[in-house]
N, C-alpha and C. Protein backbone atom coordinates (compact mmCIF):
# COMPACT_ATOMS: atom_id res chain seq x y z
N MET A 1 -73.56 38.72 57.85
CA MET A 1 -72.02 38.86 57.61
C MET A 1 -71.32 38.26 58.79
N ILE A 2 -71.72 38.19 59.98
CA ILE A 2 -71.23 36.71 60.62
C ILE A 2 -71.52 35.80 60.12
N GLU A 3 -72.84 35.44 59.70
CA GLU A 3 -72.69 33.92 58.98
C GLU A 3 -71.92 33.82 57.92
N ASN A 4 -71.47 34.31 57.28
CA ASN A 4 -70.45 34.57 55.68
C ASN A 4 -69.30 34.02 56.81
N PHE A 5 -68.85 34.87 57.48
CA PHE A 5 -67.31 34.62 58.40
C PHE A 5 -67.46 33.44 59.19
N ARG A 6 -68.74 32.95 59.86
CA ARG A 6 -68.85 31.52 60.46
C ARG A 6 -68.31 30.33 59.15
N ASN A 7 -69.15 30.69 58.15
CA ASN A 7 -68.82 29.40 56.81
C ASN A 7 -67.44 29.56 56.33
N PHE A 8 -67.21 30.18 56.56
CA PHE A 8 -65.42 30.52 56.14
C PHE A 8 -64.79 29.86 56.89
N ILE A 9 -64.73 30.31 58.41
CA ILE A 9 -64.52 29.67 59.37
C ILE A 9 -64.15 28.23 59.65
N ASP A 10 -65.65 27.39 59.62
CA ASP A 10 -66.54 26.17 59.58
C ASP A 10 -67.47 26.04 58.41
N PRO A 11 -67.31 25.76 57.26
CA PRO A 11 -67.68 25.44 56.25
C PRO A 11 -68.82 24.07 56.08
N LYS A 12 -69.95 24.23 55.95
CA LYS A 12 -70.79 23.58 55.50
C LYS A 12 -71.27 22.94 54.35
N ASP A 13 -70.57 22.97 53.76
CA ASP A 13 -70.67 22.46 52.37
C ASP A 13 -69.90 21.31 52.08
N PHE A 14 -69.92 20.63 51.24
CA PHE A 14 -69.10 19.33 51.07
C PHE A 14 -68.17 19.59 50.37
N SER A 15 -67.01 18.71 50.84
CA SER A 15 -65.65 19.51 49.73
C SER A 15 -64.72 18.03 50.05
N ILE A 16 -63.97 17.52 49.07
CA ILE A 16 -63.04 16.58 48.78
C ILE A 16 -61.71 17.13 48.09
N ASN A 17 -60.78 17.10 48.37
CA ASN A 17 -59.64 17.40 48.03
C ASN A 17 -58.72 16.22 48.04
N ILE A 18 -58.21 15.75 46.91
CA ILE A 18 -57.32 15.24 46.87
C ILE A 18 -55.97 15.49 46.52
N TYR A 19 -55.05 14.28 47.72
CA TYR A 19 -53.85 14.72 47.53
C TYR A 19 -53.07 13.60 47.59
N ARG A 20 -51.56 13.13 46.80
CA ARG A 20 -51.12 11.94 46.50
C ARG A 20 -51.04 11.17 48.01
N GLY A 21 -51.52 10.09 48.08
CA GLY A 21 -51.72 9.17 48.67
C GLY A 21 -53.26 9.03 49.98
N LYS A 22 -53.74 10.57 49.45
CA LYS A 22 -54.67 10.83 50.78
C LYS A 22 -55.63 11.63 49.87
N ILE A 23 -56.93 11.55 50.45
CA ILE A 23 -58.04 12.18 50.17
C ILE A 23 -58.96 12.45 51.40
N ASN A 24 -59.48 13.80 51.54
CA ASN A 24 -59.48 14.24 52.57
C ASN A 24 -61.37 14.72 52.34
N ILE A 25 -62.09 14.32 52.60
CA ILE A 25 -63.52 14.49 52.41
C ILE A 25 -64.27 15.16 53.80
N LYS A 26 -65.00 16.22 53.50
CA LYS A 26 -65.74 17.52 54.39
C LYS A 26 -67.35 17.11 54.14
N ASN A 27 -67.79 17.53 55.53
CA ASN A 27 -69.33 17.31 55.42
C ASN A 27 -69.99 16.19 54.12
N TYR A 28 -69.84 15.06 54.43
CA TYR A 28 -70.32 13.93 53.90
C TYR A 28 -72.09 14.01 54.98
N LYS A 29 -72.67 12.71 54.60
CA LYS A 29 -73.66 12.39 55.35
C LYS A 29 -73.57 10.97 56.03
N LYS A 30 -73.64 9.86 55.04
CA LYS A 30 -73.02 8.51 55.41
C LYS A 30 -71.85 7.84 54.97
N ILE A 31 -71.58 6.79 55.68
CA ILE A 31 -70.56 5.93 54.71
C ILE A 31 -71.59 4.69 54.34
N ILE A 32 -71.75 4.62 52.74
CA ILE A 32 -72.22 3.27 52.74
C ILE A 32 -71.33 2.23 52.62
N THR A 33 -70.22 2.06 52.07
CA THR A 33 -69.54 0.77 51.27
C THR A 33 -67.98 1.60 52.22
N LEU A 34 -67.60 0.00 52.75
CA LEU A 34 -65.84 0.46 53.35
C LEU A 34 -65.42 -0.40 53.34
N GLY A 35 -64.56 -0.19 52.19
CA GLY A 35 -63.76 -1.46 52.27
C GLY A 35 -62.17 -0.97 51.78
N VAL A 36 -61.06 -2.16 51.80
CA VAL A 36 -59.43 -1.44 51.45
C VAL A 36 -59.67 -1.33 50.17
N ASN A 37 -60.46 -1.59 49.06
CA ASN A 37 -60.26 -1.51 47.33
C ASN A 37 -61.61 -0.39 47.15
N LYS A 38 -62.32 -0.20 48.09
CA LYS A 38 -63.82 0.26 47.49
C LYS A 38 -64.28 0.89 48.89
N ILE A 39 -64.65 2.29 48.56
CA ILE A 39 -65.36 3.24 49.56
C ILE A 39 -66.00 4.03 48.80
N VAL A 40 -67.81 3.65 49.19
CA VAL A 40 -69.03 4.51 48.72
C VAL A 40 -69.11 5.56 49.82
N ILE A 41 -69.45 7.09 49.77
CA ILE A 41 -69.34 7.97 50.62
C ILE A 41 -71.30 8.56 49.73
N LYS A 42 -72.50 8.70 50.56
CA LYS A 42 -73.02 9.34 50.54
C LYS A 42 -73.70 10.79 51.06
N LEU A 43 -74.14 11.80 50.04
CA LEU A 43 -74.25 13.28 50.22
C LEU A 43 -76.10 13.18 50.07
N ASP A 44 -76.66 14.41 50.44
CA ASP A 44 -77.93 14.48 50.30
C ASP A 44 -78.59 13.69 48.82
N ASN A 45 -77.85 14.19 47.59
CA ASN A 45 -78.43 13.62 46.39
C ASN A 45 -77.40 13.10 45.46
N LEU A 46 -76.07 12.76 46.24
CA LEU A 46 -75.09 12.79 45.39
C LEU A 46 -74.17 11.01 46.20
N LYS A 47 -74.12 10.40 45.31
CA LYS A 47 -73.14 9.30 45.40
C LYS A 47 -71.84 9.36 44.82
N ILE A 48 -70.76 9.44 46.04
CA ILE A 48 -69.52 8.97 45.25
C ILE A 48 -69.14 7.95 45.67
N THR A 49 -68.05 7.24 44.77
CA THR A 49 -67.84 5.92 44.95
C THR A 49 -65.70 6.22 44.73
N LEU A 50 -65.12 5.59 45.39
CA LEU A 50 -63.80 5.76 45.22
C LEU A 50 -63.14 3.91 45.33
N ASN A 51 -62.45 3.77 44.43
CA ASN A 51 -62.00 2.41 43.87
C ASN A 51 -60.61 3.10 44.32
N GLY A 52 -59.73 1.80 44.29
CA GLY A 52 -58.16 2.05 44.32
C GLY A 52 -57.74 0.36 45.42
N ASN A 53 -56.36 0.96 45.89
CA ASN A 53 -56.12 0.00 46.65
C ASN A 53 -55.60 0.28 48.35
N ASN A 54 -55.85 -0.81 48.88
CA ASN A 54 -55.16 -0.46 50.51
C ASN A 54 -55.57 1.17 51.03
N PHE A 55 -57.22 0.74 51.06
CA PHE A 55 -57.46 2.50 51.57
C PHE A 55 -57.82 2.04 53.20
N SER A 56 -57.33 2.80 53.94
CA SER A 56 -57.89 2.54 55.30
C SER A 56 -58.23 4.57 55.47
N LEU A 57 -59.19 4.57 56.57
CA LEU A 57 -59.84 5.35 56.60
C LEU A 57 -59.46 5.66 58.25
N THR A 58 -59.78 7.19 58.84
CA THR A 58 -59.37 7.82 59.86
C THR A 58 -60.80 9.03 59.72
N LYS A 59 -61.69 8.38 60.74
CA LYS A 59 -62.10 9.93 60.89
C LYS A 59 -61.46 10.84 62.23
N LEU A 60 -61.84 12.07 61.10
CA LEU A 60 -60.97 13.11 61.82
C LEU A 60 -62.03 13.99 62.98
N LYS A 61 -63.38 14.03 62.35
CA LYS A 61 -64.19 14.75 62.95
C LYS A 61 -65.62 14.34 62.72
N ASP A 62 -67.22 14.56 63.38
CA ASP A 62 -68.12 13.90 62.77
C ASP A 62 -68.46 13.61 61.07
N GLU A 63 -67.97 14.61 60.53
CA GLU A 63 -68.23 15.05 59.44
C GLU A 63 -67.11 15.21 58.67
N GLU A 64 -65.65 14.13 58.82
CA GLU A 64 -64.87 14.42 58.00
C GLU A 64 -63.72 13.20 57.80
N LEU A 65 -63.66 13.11 56.91
CA LEU A 65 -62.92 11.59 56.85
C LEU A 65 -61.13 12.11 55.96
N LEU A 66 -60.38 11.09 56.67
CA LEU A 66 -59.04 11.10 55.87
C LEU A 66 -58.91 9.99 55.21
N ILE A 67 -58.60 9.28 53.77
CA ILE A 67 -58.40 7.89 53.57
C ILE A 67 -57.01 8.05 53.01
N THR A 68 -56.08 7.03 53.21
CA THR A 68 -55.13 6.92 52.78
C THR A 68 -55.00 5.75 51.76
N GLY A 69 -54.09 5.80 51.10
CA GLY A 69 -54.11 4.71 50.02
C GLY A 69 -53.76 4.95 48.52
N LYS A 70 -54.12 4.31 47.55
CA LYS A 70 -54.26 4.32 46.33
C LYS A 70 -55.13 4.93 45.67
N LEU A 71 -55.27 6.00 45.09
CA LEU A 71 -56.81 5.91 44.59
C LEU A 71 -56.82 5.95 42.61
N GLU A 72 -57.84 5.40 42.28
CA GLU A 72 -57.54 4.33 40.61
C GLU A 72 -58.36 5.29 40.31
N SER A 73 -59.43 5.22 40.66
CA SER A 73 -61.03 5.91 40.10
C SER A 73 -61.78 6.79 41.18
N LEU A 74 -62.41 7.42 40.34
CA LEU A 74 -64.13 8.29 41.81
C LEU A 74 -64.83 8.53 40.52
N GLU A 75 -66.09 7.96 41.07
CA GLU A 75 -66.93 7.98 40.29
C GLU A 75 -68.40 8.81 41.20
N MET A 76 -68.74 9.91 40.45
CA MET A 76 -69.78 10.53 41.39
C MET A 76 -71.23 10.37 40.70
N LYS A 77 -72.54 10.51 41.06
CA LYS A 77 -73.44 9.64 41.00
C LYS A 77 -74.73 10.66 41.21
N TYR A 78 -75.27 11.39 40.66
CA TYR A 78 -76.73 12.00 41.03
C TYR A 78 -78.11 10.44 41.06
N GLU A 79 -78.25 11.47 42.30
CA GLU A 79 -79.67 10.12 42.79
C GLU A 79 -80.58 10.75 42.68
């Protein structure tokens, strides 16, 4: 029960939340590509490619990112 509560407070699962002009990514493993028009993020067996314009990245915590800019497409590819 305590572990469930701990995961509720500080979840370890990957999550991506898309808002107007912002993308929040939690619990990723590695940033593969970082550019103003393309960002590629790696998870264990998943690669996420964000395409858009004027991307700017802010690292919030060790495994949390906040990306601002205009998202045009998002691709998820299992490897």
